[in-house]
Amino acid sequence: MISQNTKLRRLKRVRGKLMGNLGVPRLSVFRSNKNIWAQIIDDQHGRTIVTASTKNVATKGTKTEKATAVGAAIAAAALKLHVKKVRFDRGLFRYHGRVKALAEGARSNGLQF
């Protein structure tokens, strides 16, 4: 089991590297045991531009397939608002499994990291 301290250290390390380029919006990912959420945040103005989650994307399949669909949905919504380039913020989650599937779904539908 990974300790809470390890997760917080990972979060600070990831977010610290992302805060260097505030002109580009941030694609933030949160994963629970059942669902996954993604939102694109404008850190300069402190507001959320676009959100998507497994709760509002109607797909069937495994959790990984649902995460890919969420990535595709957030990419489509971002491209409608002319947001093409984002910084990927995985937070305290490791880049594998559902987090990786969401990123690949977003990339395959036109978002650039």
N, C-alpha and C. Protein backbone atom coordinates (compact mmCIF):
# COMPACT_ATOMS: atom_id res chain seq x y z
N MET A 1 0.84 -1.18 0.00
CA MET A 1 0.00 0.00 0.00
C MET A 1 0.89 1.24 0.00
N ILE A 2 0.56 2.19 -0.82
CA ILE A 2 1.32 3.43 -0.90
C ILE A 2 0.83 4.38 0.18
N SER A 3 1.76 4.99 0.87
CA SER A 3 1.38 5.87 1.97
C SER A 3 0.87 7.21 1.44
N GLN A 4 0.13 7.89 2.28
CA GLN A 4 -0.41 9.20 1.94
C GLN A 4 0.72 10.20 1.70
N ASN A 5 1.82 10.05 2.42
CA ASN A 5 2.97 10.93 2.25
C ASN A 5 3.55 10.81 0.85
N THR A 6 3.64 9.59 0.34
CA THR A 6 4.18 9.36 -1.00
C THR A 6 3.29 10.00 -2.05
N LYS A 7 1.98 9.89 -1.88
CA LYS A 7 1.05 10.49 -2.83
C LYS A 7 1.17 12.01 -2.84
N LEU A 8 1.28 12.61 -1.67
CA LEU A 8 1.39 14.06 -1.59
C LEU A 8 2.70 14.57 -2.18
N ARG A 9 3.79 13.82 -1.97
CA ARG A 9 5.07 14.19 -2.56
C ARG A 9 4.99 14.14 -4.08
N ARG A 10 4.34 13.10 -4.61
CA ARG A 10 4.18 12.96 -6.05
C ARG A 10 3.33 14.11 -6.60
N LEU A 11 2.25 14.47 -5.90
CA LEU A 11 1.39 15.56 -6.31
C LEU A 11 2.15 16.88 -6.38
N LYS A 12 2.94 17.17 -5.35
CA LYS A 12 3.72 18.42 -5.33
C LYS A 12 4.75 18.44 -6.45
N ARG A 13 5.36 17.30 -6.73
CA ARG A 13 6.37 17.22 -7.78
C ARG A 13 5.73 17.47 -9.15
N VAL A 14 4.60 16.84 -9.41
CA VAL A 14 3.93 16.98 -10.71
C VAL A 14 3.41 18.40 -10.90
N ARG A 15 2.71 18.92 -9.90
CA ARG A 15 2.13 20.26 -10.03
C ARG A 15 3.21 21.34 -10.08
N GLY A 16 4.31 21.13 -9.38
CA GLY A 16 5.40 22.11 -9.42
C GLY A 16 5.99 22.25 -10.80
N LYS A 17 6.10 21.14 -11.52
CA LYS A 17 6.63 21.19 -12.88
C LYS A 17 5.63 21.82 -13.84
N LEU A 18 4.35 21.68 -13.57
CA LEU A 18 3.32 22.22 -14.47
C LEU A 18 3.14 23.72 -14.32
N MET A 19 3.44 24.27 -13.17
CA MET A 19 3.15 25.67 -12.92
C MET A 19 4.11 26.63 -13.62
N GLY A 20 5.06 26.10 -14.37
CA GLY A 20 5.99 26.97 -15.08
C GLY A 20 5.39 27.65 -16.28
N ASN A 21 4.35 27.07 -16.88
CA ASN A 21 3.78 27.61 -18.11
C ASN A 21 2.29 27.86 -17.89
N LEU A 22 1.96 28.99 -17.29
CA LEU A 22 0.57 29.28 -16.95
C LEU A 22 -0.24 29.76 -18.14
N GLY A 23 0.38 30.06 -19.27
CA GLY A 23 -0.35 30.53 -20.44
C GLY A 23 -1.11 29.43 -21.15
N VAL A 24 -0.76 28.18 -20.88
CA VAL A 24 -1.41 27.04 -21.52
C VAL A 24 -2.36 26.39 -20.50
N PRO A 25 -3.60 26.10 -20.88
CA PRO A 25 -4.52 25.47 -19.93
C PRO A 25 -4.04 24.09 -19.48
N ARG A 26 -4.57 23.65 -18.35
CA ARG A 26 -4.13 22.40 -17.73
C ARG A 26 -5.26 21.38 -17.78
N LEU A 27 -4.96 20.16 -18.25
CA LEU A 27 -5.92 19.06 -18.25
C LEU A 27 -5.69 18.25 -16.99
N SER A 28 -6.58 18.41 -16.02
CA SER A 28 -6.44 17.77 -14.72
C SER A 28 -7.30 16.51 -14.68
N VAL A 29 -6.75 15.43 -14.10
CA VAL A 29 -7.42 14.14 -14.05
C VAL A 29 -7.60 13.72 -12.60
N PHE A 30 -8.80 13.23 -12.28
CA PHE A 30 -9.05 12.62 -10.98
C PHE A 30 -9.67 11.26 -11.21
N ARG A 31 -9.15 10.26 -10.52
CA ARG A 31 -9.60 8.89 -10.70
C ARG A 31 -10.04 8.33 -9.35
N SER A 32 -11.24 7.77 -9.33
CA SER A 32 -11.68 7.03 -8.14
C SER A 32 -11.76 5.56 -8.51
N ASN A 33 -12.22 4.72 -7.61
CA ASN A 33 -12.32 3.30 -7.92
C ASN A 33 -13.34 3.01 -9.01
N LYS A 34 -14.35 3.85 -9.12
CA LYS A 34 -15.45 3.59 -10.04
C LYS A 34 -15.47 4.52 -11.25
N ASN A 35 -15.12 5.78 -11.10
CA ASN A 35 -15.25 6.78 -12.15
C ASN A 35 -13.93 7.50 -12.40
N ILE A 36 -13.92 8.29 -13.48
CA ILE A 36 -12.77 9.15 -13.77
C ILE A 36 -13.31 10.48 -14.27
N TRP A 37 -12.70 11.56 -13.81
CA TRP A 37 -13.09 12.91 -14.18
C TRP A 37 -11.91 13.60 -14.84
N ALA A 38 -12.20 14.48 -15.77
CA ALA A 38 -11.17 15.30 -16.41
C ALA A 38 -11.72 16.70 -16.57
N GLN A 39 -10.87 17.68 -16.35
CA GLN A 39 -11.28 19.07 -16.57
C GLN A 39 -10.11 19.87 -17.10
N ILE A 40 -10.42 20.82 -17.96
CA ILE A 40 -9.40 21.72 -18.48
C ILE A 40 -9.56 23.03 -17.73
N ILE A 41 -8.47 23.46 -17.10
CA ILE A 41 -8.49 24.61 -16.19
C ILE A 41 -7.59 25.70 -16.73
N ASP A 42 -8.09 26.93 -16.71
CA ASP A 42 -7.29 28.10 -17.05
C ASP A 42 -6.74 28.66 -15.74
N ASP A 43 -5.46 28.43 -15.48
CA ASP A 43 -4.87 28.83 -14.20
C ASP A 43 -4.65 30.33 -14.09
N GLN A 44 -4.54 31.02 -15.20
CA GLN A 44 -4.36 32.47 -15.14
C GLN A 44 -5.60 33.16 -14.57
N HIS A 45 -6.77 32.69 -14.97
CA HIS A 45 -8.01 33.30 -14.51
C HIS A 45 -8.70 32.48 -13.42
N GLY A 46 -8.18 31.29 -13.13
CA GLY A 46 -8.73 30.47 -12.06
C GLY A 46 -10.11 29.94 -12.35
N ARG A 47 -10.36 29.48 -13.58
CA ARG A 47 -11.68 28.97 -13.90
C ARG A 47 -11.57 27.69 -14.74
N THR A 48 -12.60 26.87 -14.66
CA THR A 48 -12.67 25.64 -15.42
C THR A 48 -13.30 25.93 -16.77
N ILE A 49 -12.66 25.46 -17.83
CA ILE A 49 -13.15 25.71 -19.18
C ILE A 49 -14.09 24.59 -19.62
N VAL A 50 -13.65 23.34 -19.48
CA VAL A 50 -14.40 22.18 -19.97
C VAL A 50 -14.28 21.04 -18.95
N THR A 51 -15.35 20.27 -18.79
CA THR A 51 -15.28 19.08 -17.94
C THR A 51 -15.88 17.88 -18.67
N ALA A 52 -15.46 16.70 -18.27
CA ALA A 52 -16.04 15.45 -18.75
C ALA A 52 -15.78 14.38 -17.71
N SER A 53 -16.68 13.42 -17.63
CA SER A 53 -16.49 12.31 -16.69
C SER A 53 -17.24 11.09 -17.18
N THR A 54 -17.01 9.98 -16.52
CA THR A 54 -17.73 8.76 -16.89
C THR A 54 -19.20 8.87 -16.52
N LYS A 55 -19.55 9.81 -15.67
CA LYS A 55 -20.94 9.98 -15.29
C LYS A 55 -21.77 10.64 -16.39
N ASN A 56 -21.13 11.49 -17.22
CA ASN A 56 -21.90 12.13 -18.29
C ASN A 56 -21.49 11.68 -19.69
N VAL A 57 -20.61 10.70 -19.82
CA VAL A 57 -20.30 10.10 -21.10
C VAL A 57 -20.91 8.71 -21.11
N ALA A 58 -21.88 8.51 -21.98
CA ALA A 58 -22.62 7.24 -21.99
C ALA A 58 -21.89 6.21 -22.84
N THR A 59 -21.10 5.36 -22.19
CA THR A 59 -20.43 4.27 -22.89
C THR A 59 -20.52 3.01 -22.03
N LYS A 60 -20.41 1.90 -22.68
CA LYS A 60 -20.37 0.62 -21.98
C LYS A 60 -18.97 0.04 -22.17
N GLY A 61 -18.61 -0.87 -21.31
CA GLY A 61 -17.32 -1.53 -21.42
C GLY A 61 -16.55 -1.49 -20.12
N THR A 62 -15.25 -1.74 -20.23
CA THR A 62 -14.41 -1.73 -19.04
C THR A 62 -14.13 -0.30 -18.60
N LYS A 63 -13.54 -0.18 -17.43
CA LYS A 63 -13.22 1.15 -16.92
C LYS A 63 -12.19 1.84 -17.81
N THR A 64 -11.28 1.08 -18.40
CA THR A 64 -10.27 1.65 -19.30
C THR A 64 -10.92 2.16 -20.58
N GLU A 65 -11.88 1.43 -21.12
CA GLU A 65 -12.59 1.89 -22.31
C GLU A 65 -13.40 3.14 -22.02
N LYS A 66 -13.98 3.21 -20.84
CA LYS A 66 -14.72 4.41 -20.44
C LYS A 66 -13.78 5.60 -20.30
N ALA A 67 -12.58 5.37 -19.77
CA ALA A 67 -11.60 6.46 -19.63
C ALA A 67 -11.17 6.98 -21.00
N THR A 68 -11.02 6.09 -21.98
CA THR A 68 -10.69 6.52 -23.34
C THR A 68 -11.81 7.37 -23.91
N ALA A 69 -13.05 6.99 -23.64
CA ALA A 69 -14.19 7.76 -24.12
C ALA A 69 -14.25 9.14 -23.46
N VAL A 70 -13.89 9.22 -22.19
CA VAL A 70 -13.85 10.52 -21.49
C VAL A 70 -12.77 11.41 -22.12
N GLY A 71 -11.61 10.83 -22.44
CA GLY A 71 -10.56 11.59 -23.12
C GLY A 71 -11.01 12.11 -24.46
N ALA A 72 -11.73 11.29 -25.21
CA ALA A 72 -12.25 11.72 -26.51
C ALA A 72 -13.28 12.82 -26.34
N ALA A 73 -14.14 12.70 -25.32
CA ALA A 73 -15.18 13.71 -25.09
C ALA A 73 -14.59 15.05 -24.68
N ILE A 74 -13.58 15.02 -23.82
CA ILE A 74 -13.01 16.30 -23.38
C ILE A 74 -12.22 16.95 -24.51
N ALA A 75 -11.60 16.14 -25.37
CA ALA A 75 -10.89 16.70 -26.52
C ALA A 75 -11.86 17.35 -27.49
N ALA A 76 -12.99 16.70 -27.74
CA ALA A 76 -13.98 17.26 -28.65
C ALA A 76 -14.55 18.58 -28.12
N ALA A 77 -14.84 18.61 -26.81
CA ALA A 77 -15.38 19.82 -26.20
C ALA A 77 -14.34 20.95 -26.20
N ALA A 78 -13.08 20.60 -25.98
CA ALA A 78 -12.02 21.62 -25.97
C ALA A 78 -11.79 22.18 -27.37
N LEU A 79 -11.83 21.33 -28.38
CA LEU A 79 -11.61 21.80 -29.74
C LEU A 79 -12.74 22.70 -30.21
N LYS A 80 -13.96 22.50 -29.70
CA LYS A 80 -15.07 23.40 -30.02
C LYS A 80 -14.79 24.80 -29.49
N LEU A 81 -14.08 24.88 -28.37
CA LEU A 81 -13.74 26.18 -27.77
C LEU A 81 -12.36 26.68 -28.21
N HIS A 82 -11.79 26.06 -29.24
CA HIS A 82 -10.51 26.43 -29.84
C HIS A 82 -9.34 26.27 -28.87
N VAL A 83 -9.41 25.29 -27.99
CA VAL A 83 -8.30 24.94 -27.11
C VAL A 83 -7.64 23.70 -27.72
N LYS A 84 -6.41 23.86 -28.22
CA LYS A 84 -5.75 22.75 -28.89
C LYS A 84 -4.58 22.20 -28.10
N LYS A 85 -3.94 23.04 -27.30
CA LYS A 85 -2.75 22.61 -26.56
C LYS A 85 -3.02 22.74 -25.07
N VAL A 86 -2.69 21.69 -24.31
CA VAL A 86 -2.89 21.68 -22.86
C VAL A 86 -1.67 21.07 -22.19
N ARG A 87 -1.55 21.29 -20.88
CA ARG A 87 -0.56 20.61 -20.05
C ARG A 87 -1.28 19.49 -19.34
N PHE A 88 -0.74 18.29 -19.34
CA PHE A 88 -1.40 17.13 -18.73
C PHE A 88 -1.02 17.04 -17.27
N ASP A 89 -2.02 17.16 -16.40
CA ASP A 89 -1.82 17.10 -14.95
C ASP A 89 -2.43 15.80 -14.43
N ARG A 90 -1.57 14.81 -14.18
CA ARG A 90 -2.06 13.53 -13.69
C ARG A 90 -2.24 13.55 -12.19
N GLY A 91 -1.83 14.62 -11.53
CA GLY A 91 -2.00 14.74 -10.09
C GLY A 91 -1.16 13.72 -9.34
N LEU A 92 -1.78 13.03 -8.40
CA LEU A 92 -1.05 12.04 -7.62
C LEU A 92 -1.16 10.64 -8.19
N PHE A 93 -1.73 10.51 -9.40
CA PHE A 93 -1.93 9.20 -10.01
C PHE A 93 -0.78 8.89 -10.97
N ARG A 94 -0.36 7.64 -10.98
CA ARG A 94 0.70 7.22 -11.87
C ARG A 94 0.17 7.16 -13.30
N TYR A 95 1.07 7.39 -14.27
CA TYR A 95 0.67 7.42 -15.67
C TYR A 95 0.64 5.99 -16.21
N HIS A 96 -0.43 5.28 -15.93
CA HIS A 96 -0.66 3.96 -16.49
C HIS A 96 -2.13 3.62 -16.28
N GLY A 97 -2.61 2.62 -16.98
CA GLY A 97 -3.99 2.20 -16.80
C GLY A 97 -4.98 3.22 -17.32
N ARG A 98 -5.93 3.59 -16.46
CA ARG A 98 -7.01 4.48 -16.88
C ARG A 98 -6.53 5.90 -17.15
N VAL A 99 -5.54 6.37 -16.41
CA VAL A 99 -5.02 7.72 -16.63
C VAL A 99 -4.34 7.79 -18.00
N LYS A 100 -3.58 6.77 -18.33
CA LYS A 100 -2.93 6.70 -19.64
C LYS A 100 -3.96 6.58 -20.75
N ALA A 101 -5.01 5.80 -20.53
CA ALA A 101 -6.06 5.63 -21.53
C ALA A 101 -6.77 6.95 -21.80
N LEU A 102 -7.03 7.72 -20.75
CA LEU A 102 -7.67 9.03 -20.93
C LEU A 102 -6.77 9.95 -21.75
N ALA A 103 -5.48 9.96 -21.45
CA ALA A 103 -4.55 10.81 -22.18
C ALA A 103 -4.46 10.41 -23.65
N GLU A 104 -4.42 9.11 -23.91
CA GLU A 104 -4.33 8.64 -25.30
C GLU A 104 -5.63 8.92 -26.05
N GLY A 105 -6.77 8.83 -25.37
CA GLY A 105 -8.05 9.17 -26.00
C GLY A 105 -8.12 10.64 -26.37
N ALA A 106 -7.58 11.50 -25.50
CA ALA A 106 -7.57 12.93 -25.79
C ALA A 106 -6.61 13.25 -26.93
N ARG A 107 -5.44 12.62 -26.92
CA ARG A 107 -4.45 12.85 -27.98
C ARG A 107 -4.97 12.40 -29.34
N SER A 108 -5.62 11.24 -29.37
CA SER A 108 -6.09 10.71 -30.64
C SER A 108 -7.21 11.53 -31.25
N ASN A 109 -7.84 12.37 -30.44
CA ASN A 109 -8.92 13.23 -30.94
C ASN A 109 -8.50 14.68 -31.10
N GLY A 110 -7.20 14.96 -31.08
CA GLY A 110 -6.74 16.28 -31.48
C GLY A 110 -6.11 17.16 -30.42
N LEU A 111 -6.14 16.79 -29.15
CA LEU A 111 -5.47 17.62 -28.14
C LEU A 111 -3.97 17.36 -28.19
N GLN A 112 -3.19 18.41 -27.97
CA GLN A 112 -1.74 18.28 -27.94
C GLN A 112 -1.25 18.52 -26.52
N PHE A 113 -0.33 17.65 -26.08
CA PHE A 113 0.27 17.80 -24.74
C PHE A 113 1.69 18.28 -24.90
